[in-house]
Amino acid sequence: MKLINIGFGNMVSAGRLIAIVSPESAPIKRMIQEARDRGMLVDATYGRRTRAVLMMDSDHVVLSALQPETVAGRLGGKEAEAAPEEVEEL
């Protein structure tokens, strides 16, 4: 089982991931709200801005503060350095 780092030490299973999308469009925002209402939303942003929405095969929706391209790169095996969102601010 391969795990993907989605930011701040949080991981999701690569085999259960269906899609990585941007949260900008109205249908995606609606999907996030519906998942929240059903109790199927996992917010892994640590209070930061949501930049990627991960849809899982279990009908869970996972929010990440990393760019979709960064998460996709990690899925493909290119382990990037810590993203700017992960760097501690003093």
Protein backbone atom coordinates (compact mmCIF):
# COMPACT_ATOMS: atom_id res chain seq x y z
CA MET A 1 0.00 0.00 0.00
CA LYS A 2 1.47 3.32 -1.11
CA LEU A 3 0.75 6.42 0.98
CA ILE A 4 0.88 9.97 -0.36
CA ASN A 5 1.84 12.92 1.84
CA ILE A 6 -0.90 15.55 1.42
CA GLY A 7 0.79 18.09 3.68
CA PHE A 8 1.72 18.51 7.33
CA GLY A 9 2.49 14.81 7.74
CA ASN A 10 -0.98 13.68 6.68
CA MET A 11 -1.18 10.70 4.33
CA VAL A 12 -3.81 9.10 2.09
CA SER A 13 -3.74 5.74 0.37
CA ALA A 14 -2.80 6.06 -3.30
CA GLY A 15 -4.89 3.04 -4.21
CA ARG A 16 -8.08 4.62 -2.87
CA LEU A 17 -7.61 8.00 -4.54
CA ILE A 18 -9.97 8.70 -7.44
CA ALA A 19 -9.33 12.35 -8.30
CA ILE A 20 -7.41 15.47 -7.28
CA VAL A 21 -9.23 18.70 -8.18
CA SER A 22 -9.07 22.41 -7.50
CA PRO A 23 -11.70 23.78 -5.07
CA GLU A 24 -12.56 26.84 -7.17
CA SER A 25 -15.68 25.73 -9.07
CA ALA A 26 -19.21 25.82 -7.70
CA PRO A 27 -19.82 22.06 -8.19
CA ILE A 28 -16.71 21.21 -6.15
CA LYS A 29 -17.73 23.67 -3.41
CA ARG A 30 -21.16 22.00 -3.36
CA MET A 31 -19.53 18.56 -3.14
CA ILE A 32 -17.42 19.74 -0.18
CA GLN A 33 -20.50 21.06 1.63
CA GLU A 34 -22.44 17.85 0.98
CA ALA A 35 -19.54 15.76 2.33
CA ARG A 36 -19.40 18.00 5.41
CA ASP A 37 -23.14 17.50 5.99
CA ARG A 38 -22.78 13.69 5.66
CA GLY A 39 -19.75 13.60 7.96
CA MET A 40 -17.50 12.37 5.16
CA LEU A 41 -15.17 15.40 4.99
CA VAL A 42 -11.57 15.19 6.20
CA ASP A 43 -9.99 18.64 6.57
CA ALA A 44 -6.19 18.27 6.49
CA THR A 45 -5.46 21.96 5.84
CA TYR A 46 -4.57 22.89 9.44
CA GLY A 47 -6.49 26.14 9.03
CA ARG A 48 -4.79 27.13 5.81
CA ARG A 49 -6.45 27.83 2.48
CA THR A 50 -7.77 24.75 0.66
CA ARG A 51 -5.89 24.30 -2.61
CA ALA A 52 -6.64 20.68 -3.48
CA VAL A 53 -9.67 18.46 -3.00
CA LEU A 54 -9.05 14.71 -3.02
CA MET A 55 -11.94 12.39 -3.80
CA MET A 56 -11.61 8.89 -2.39
CA ASP A 57 -13.34 5.67 -3.47
CA SER A 58 -14.97 5.41 -0.03
CA ASP A 59 -16.95 8.61 -0.80
CA HIS A 60 -14.75 10.61 1.58
CA VAL A 61 -13.59 14.07 0.51
CA VAL A 62 -10.17 15.20 1.76
CA LEU A 63 -9.05 18.85 1.78
CA SER A 64 -5.35 19.69 1.41
CA ALA A 65 -3.39 22.94 1.59
CA LEU A 66 -1.05 21.73 -1.17
CA GLN A 67 -1.51 22.53 -4.85
CA PRO A 68 -3.09 19.73 -6.92
CA GLU A 69 0.10 19.58 -9.02
CA THR A 70 2.19 18.98 -5.90
CA VAL A 71 -0.04 16.15 -4.71
CA ALA A 72 -0.07 14.63 -8.22
CA GLY A 73 3.72 14.85 -8.35
CA ARG A 74 3.96 12.98 -5.08
CA LEU A 75 1.57 10.38 -6.44
CA GLY A 76 3.84 9.93 -9.45
CA GLY A 77 6.85 9.33 -7.25
CA LYS A 78 8.54 12.71 -7.44
CA GLU A 79 8.91 13.62 -3.76
CA ALA A 80 9.08 17.41 -3.66
CA GLU A 81 10.66 19.49 -0.94
CA ALA A 82 8.40 20.93 1.74
CA ALA A 83 5.82 23.14 0.08
CA PRO A 84 5.65 26.80 1.13
CA GLU A 85 2.37 26.05 2.93
CA GLU A 86 4.20 23.59 5.19
CA VAL A 87 7.00 25.92 6.27
CA GLU A 88 6.56 27.20 9.81
CA GLU A 89 5.98 30.92 10.04
CA LEU A 90 7.65 32.71 12.93
